[in-house]
Amino acid sequence: MSSITDSLKCIKQQIVQAAAQCDRNPDKVRLLAVSKTKPAASVIEAADAGQRAFGENYEQEGVEKIRIIRSLRPDLKLEWHFIGPVQSNKTRPIAENFDWVHAVDRERIAKRLSDQRPEGMQPINICLQVNISGEVSKSGVAPEDVLALARAVSAYPNVKLRGLMAIPEPETDPVKQHEPFKAMKALFNQLQENGFDVDTLSMGMSADMVPAIQEGATIVRIGTAIFGARDYGGK
C-alpha cells in the first residue's frame, strides 16, 4: 500500500477508536481529507484508496485542482469542501465549483454564494464558522450571534445550512481541549431546538480530533496526517 493509503487507514482506525470511547457510531463521523498545497495526483491516489471528500483552503488552487482531476479522472465522483476564509470577491468560483463551504461568518457571503450558484446545481451546503475561543485574529461569528445569522442565511434559496464549524485556539491540555467542542455542541443543540434542520459539526484536526469526536464532531478535517507536510511555496 502507498503511504497515503496507509495513512488513511490509520486515521480511520483512530476515528473508530475515538467513537467507541464515547459510544458513538463511527459511521456518523466523516473524514475530510484536507488536500491544500497537494497536487492532483495525491488527491487521485487518496480517491483510489476510497476517500471521497476533500477540503481546499485556497480558491484558485482548489478550482484548478478540481478542473484537472475532473479532466484526468471523470469516473471519480468527489465531494469538494471549501474550508478557508471566504473573500467576497472570490465567492463566484467557489459557488460554481464546490459542494460545501465551511467558513461562512457573514450574511453577505451566504447571499453571494446563493446568488452566484449556477442554475441546475443543488444548493451549496454551508456551515457557519464560530469564533468559539474569542480570538481577535480569527474569523467567525460570535457565539451569541449564531442564531441570528442562522435565521438570516436560511432565507437564501441556493444555500443549505448544514451546521457549524470551528477552529478552536490550540490547546495541549487534553482536558481543556474538550471545552470549546462542548460549547460548539451546545450551540448546535440550540439551533436544533430552534427548528433548524442541521446535522453537521465540522470540528477537529490532527491535534485535537479525538476530543472533537467525543464531543460530537460529525466531520473531522485532516491534512498533514494523510498527505504529509505541506509545501506552501509562495502562498
Protein backbone atom coordinates (compact mmCIF):
# COMPACT_ATOMS: atom_id res chain seq x y z
CA MET A 1 0.00 0.00 0.00
CA SER A 2 1.10 3.58 -0.57
CA SER A 3 1.85 5.94 2.29
CA ILE A 4 -1.38 7.85 1.60
CA THR A 5 -3.36 4.62 1.65
CA ASP A 6 -1.66 3.59 4.89
CA SER A 7 -2.30 6.99 6.44
CA LEU A 8 -5.98 6.95 5.51
CA LYS A 9 -6.35 3.51 7.05
CA CYS A 10 -4.64 4.69 10.24
CA ILE A 11 -6.80 7.83 10.58
CA LYS A 12 -9.98 5.84 10.02
CA GLN A 13 -8.92 3.40 12.74
CA GLN A 14 -8.37 6.35 15.09
CA ILE A 15 -11.87 7.63 14.29
CA VAL A 16 -13.35 4.22 15.10
CA GLN A 17 -11.45 4.09 18.39
CA ALA A 18 -12.44 7.62 19.41
CA ALA A 19 -16.08 6.93 18.61
CA ALA A 20 -16.01 3.69 20.60
CA GLN A 21 -14.74 5.55 23.66
CA CYS A 22 -17.95 7.59 23.80
CA ASP A 23 -20.40 5.01 22.41
CA ARG A 24 -20.81 6.81 19.09
CA ASN A 25 -21.34 5.14 15.74
CA PRO A 26 -18.10 5.76 13.79
CA ASP A 27 -20.14 5.90 10.59
CA LYS A 28 -21.52 9.21 11.90
CA VAL A 29 -18.06 10.80 11.72
CA ARG A 30 -16.87 11.72 8.23
CA LEU A 31 -13.23 12.16 7.32
CA LEU A 32 -12.49 15.25 5.25
CA ALA A 33 -9.05 14.94 3.64
CA VAL A 34 -7.53 18.42 3.50
CA SER A 35 -5.57 18.50 0.26
CA LYS A 36 -4.43 22.13 0.20
CA THR A 37 -0.98 22.63 -1.40
CA LYS A 38 -1.01 18.99 -2.51
CA PRO A 39 -1.02 18.01 -6.21
CA ALA A 40 -3.94 16.49 -8.04
CA ALA A 41 -2.02 13.19 -8.17
CA SER A 42 -2.15 12.93 -4.38
CA VAL A 43 -5.90 13.52 -4.37
CA ILE A 44 -6.37 10.85 -7.02
CA GLU A 45 -4.23 8.45 -5.00
CA ALA A 46 -6.40 9.06 -1.93
CA ALA A 47 -9.56 8.72 -4.02
CA ASP A 48 -8.37 5.39 -5.38
CA ALA A 49 -7.95 4.31 -1.75
CA GLY A 50 -11.62 5.07 -1.13
CA GLN A 51 -11.58 8.69 0.09
CA ARG A 52 -14.30 10.84 -1.48
CA ALA A 53 -14.47 14.14 0.44
CA PHE A 54 -11.64 16.67 0.06
CA GLY A 55 -11.07 20.10 1.57
CA GLU A 56 -9.33 23.08 0.00
CA ASN A 57 -8.39 26.42 1.61
CA TYR A 58 -7.42 28.49 -1.41
CA GLU A 59 -9.96 29.31 -4.09
CA GLN A 60 -7.64 29.49 -7.10
CA GLU A 61 -5.69 26.37 -6.19
CA GLY A 62 -8.84 24.43 -5.38
CA VAL A 63 -10.69 25.34 -8.56
CA GLU A 64 -7.69 24.40 -10.72
CA LYS A 65 -7.26 21.10 -8.88
CA ILE A 66 -10.93 20.26 -9.36
CA ARG A 67 -10.63 21.03 -13.08
CA ILE A 68 -7.53 18.84 -13.50
CA ILE A 69 -9.00 15.88 -11.65
CA ARG A 70 -12.30 16.03 -13.50
CA SER A 71 -10.35 16.06 -16.76
CA LEU A 72 -7.99 13.22 -15.83
CA ARG A 73 -10.50 11.04 -13.96
CA PRO A 74 -14.10 11.81 -14.89
CA ASP A 75 -15.03 8.50 -13.27
CA LEU A 76 -14.27 9.88 -9.80
CA LYS A 77 -17.30 11.41 -8.10
CA LEU A 78 -15.65 13.51 -5.44
CA GLU A 79 -17.15 15.92 -2.92
CA TRP A 80 -15.33 19.24 -2.63
CA HIS A 81 -15.38 21.35 0.54
CA PHE A 82 -14.07 24.91 0.68
CA ILE A 83 -12.77 25.32 4.23
CA GLY A 84 -10.74 28.53 4.11
CA PRO A 85 -11.82 32.12 4.77
CA VAL A 86 -14.27 33.29 2.11
CA GLN A 87 -13.50 36.64 0.50
CA SER A 88 -16.40 38.50 -1.10
CA ASN A 89 -14.60 38.80 -4.43
CA LYS A 90 -13.94 35.04 -4.56
CA THR A 91 -17.47 33.73 -3.98
CA ARG A 92 -18.37 33.12 -7.64
CA PRO A 93 -15.75 30.43 -8.42
CA ILE A 94 -16.47 28.85 -5.04
CA ALA A 95 -20.21 28.79 -5.75
CA GLU A 96 -19.56 27.34 -9.20
CA ASN A 97 -17.20 24.53 -8.17
CA PHE A 98 -17.62 23.45 -4.54
CA ASP A 99 -20.27 21.33 -2.84
CA TRP A 100 -19.69 22.70 0.67
CA VAL A 101 -18.42 25.91 2.28
CA HIS A 102 -17.38 25.60 5.93
CA ALA A 103 -16.45 29.15 6.88
CA VAL A 104 -19.49 31.37 6.34
CA ASP A 105 -19.42 34.06 9.01
CA ARG A 106 -21.43 36.88 7.40
CA GLU A 107 -24.84 37.09 5.79
CA ARG A 108 -23.32 38.85 2.79
CA ILE A 109 -21.21 35.78 1.96
CA ALA A 110 -24.25 33.49 2.09
CA LYS A 111 -26.20 35.85 -0.17
CA ARG A 112 -23.40 35.99 -2.73
CA LEU A 113 -22.99 32.21 -2.72
CA SER A 114 -26.75 31.82 -3.25
CA ASP A 115 -26.91 34.44 -6.00
CA GLN A 116 -23.90 33.00 -7.82
CA ARG A 117 -24.77 29.30 -7.57
CA PRO A 118 -25.30 28.15 -11.17
CA GLU A 119 -28.80 27.23 -12.24
CA GLY A 120 -29.37 23.49 -12.18
CA MET A 121 -26.93 22.79 -9.36
CA GLN A 122 -28.09 21.69 -5.93
CA PRO A 123 -27.95 24.37 -3.20
CA ILE A 124 -24.46 24.67 -1.80
CA ASN A 125 -24.10 23.24 1.71
CA ILE A 126 -22.79 25.74 4.25
CA CYS A 127 -21.58 25.75 7.83
CA LEU A 128 -21.38 28.86 9.97
CA GLN A 129 -17.89 29.43 11.33
CA VAL A 130 -17.96 30.25 15.04
CA ASN A 131 -15.10 32.07 16.78
CA ILE A 132 -15.57 29.78 19.74
CA SER A 133 -12.33 30.79 21.51
CA GLY A 134 -12.92 34.52 21.08
CA GLU A 135 -9.61 35.09 19.31
CA VAL A 136 -9.24 38.63 17.94
CA SER A 137 -7.21 37.41 14.97
CA LYS A 138 -9.60 34.65 13.95
CA SER A 139 -12.63 34.79 11.66
CA GLY A 140 -16.02 33.59 12.78
CA VAL A 141 -19.30 34.78 14.19
CA ALA A 142 -19.52 35.33 17.95
CA PRO A 143 -21.37 32.50 19.74
CA GLU A 144 -24.15 34.83 20.85
CA ASP A 145 -24.82 35.84 17.22
CA VAL A 146 -25.08 32.33 15.77
CA LEU A 147 -28.86 32.08 15.99
CA ALA A 148 -29.46 35.41 14.24
CA LEU A 149 -27.02 34.57 11.46
CA ALA A 150 -28.62 31.15 11.00
CA ARG A 151 -32.02 32.81 10.57
CA ALA A 152 -30.60 35.27 8.04
CA VAL A 153 -28.74 32.79 5.82
CA SER A 154 -31.62 30.31 5.82
CA ALA A 155 -33.66 32.79 3.80
CA TYR A 156 -31.49 32.35 0.69
CA PRO A 157 -32.68 29.70 -1.77
CA ASN A 158 -29.41 28.35 -3.17
CA VAL A 159 -27.60 27.68 0.09
CA LYS A 160 -28.48 24.99 2.62
CA LEU A 161 -27.47 25.50 6.23
CA ARG A 162 -26.00 22.20 7.44
CA GLY A 163 -24.43 23.20 10.75
CA LEU A 164 -21.44 24.81 12.43
CA MET A 165 -17.67 24.86 12.06
CA ALA A 166 -14.89 25.97 14.40
CA ILE A 167 -11.11 26.11 14.71
CA PRO A 168 -10.51 26.47 18.46
CA GLU A 169 -7.39 28.08 19.86
CA PRO A 170 -4.62 25.44 20.08
CA GLU A 171 -4.53 23.73 23.45
CA THR A 172 -2.16 20.99 24.61
CA ASP A 173 -4.04 20.11 27.81
CA PRO A 174 -6.27 17.13 26.88
CA VAL A 175 -8.93 18.18 29.38
CA LYS A 176 -9.07 21.78 28.19
CA GLN A 177 -9.25 20.63 24.57
CA HIS A 178 -12.80 19.45 25.25
CA GLU A 179 -14.15 22.83 26.39
CA PRO A 180 -14.61 24.62 23.05
CA PHE A 181 -16.04 21.48 21.47
CA LYS A 182 -18.59 21.17 24.27
CA ALA A 183 -19.54 24.81 23.67
CA MET A 184 -19.93 24.12 19.95
CA LYS A 185 -22.19 21.14 20.64
CA ALA A 186 -24.34 23.35 22.88
CA LEU A 187 -24.70 25.90 20.06
CA PHE A 188 -25.55 23.10 17.64
CA ASN A 189 -28.22 21.81 20.01
CA GLN A 190 -29.59 25.34 20.31
CA LEU A 191 -30.02 25.53 16.53
CA GLN A 192 -31.91 22.24 16.53
CA GLU A 193 -34.09 23.35 19.42
CA ASN A 194 -34.99 26.46 17.43
CA GLY A 195 -36.19 24.43 14.48
CA PHE A 196 -33.13 24.37 12.25
CA ASP A 197 -32.61 21.11 10.36
CA VAL A 198 -28.84 20.90 10.94
CA ASP A 199 -26.75 17.75 11.03
CA THR A 200 -23.11 18.84 10.80
CA LEU A 201 -20.45 19.83 13.32
CA SER A 202 -17.20 20.41 11.44
CA MET A 203 -14.51 20.48 14.11
CA GLY A 204 -11.32 18.70 15.00
CA MET A 205 -8.00 18.40 13.19
CA SER A 206 -4.97 16.16 13.64
CA ALA A 207 -4.01 17.50 17.08
CA ASP A 208 -7.50 17.53 18.60
CA MET A 209 -9.51 15.05 16.56
CA VAL A 210 -10.22 12.68 19.45
CA PRO A 211 -11.81 15.21 21.86
CA ALA A 212 -13.74 16.73 18.96
CA ILE A 213 -15.26 13.34 18.11
CA GLN A 214 -16.01 12.67 21.76
CA GLU A 215 -17.93 15.96 21.96
CA GLY A 216 -19.97 15.37 18.81
CA ALA A 217 -17.99 16.23 15.67
CA THR A 218 -19.53 14.82 12.50
CA ILE A 219 -16.72 15.97 10.19
CA VAL A 220 -13.03 16.00 11.12
CA ARG A 221 -10.60 17.86 8.87
CA ILE A 222 -7.27 16.02 8.49
CA GLY A 223 -4.46 17.05 6.15
CA THR A 224 -0.83 16.53 7.15
CA ALA A 225 -1.51 13.17 8.80
CA ILE A 226 -2.77 11.91 5.42
CA PHE A 227 -0.66 13.70 2.83
CA GLY A 228 2.48 14.63 4.78
CA ALA A 229 3.97 18.05 5.43
CA ARG A 230 2.63 20.87 3.29
CA ASP A 231 4.69 22.91 0.86
CA TYR A 232 3.29 26.43 0.94
CA GLY A 233 5.76 27.79 -1.56
CA GLY A 234 4.71 31.34 -2.35
CA LYS A 235 1.36 31.12 -0.54
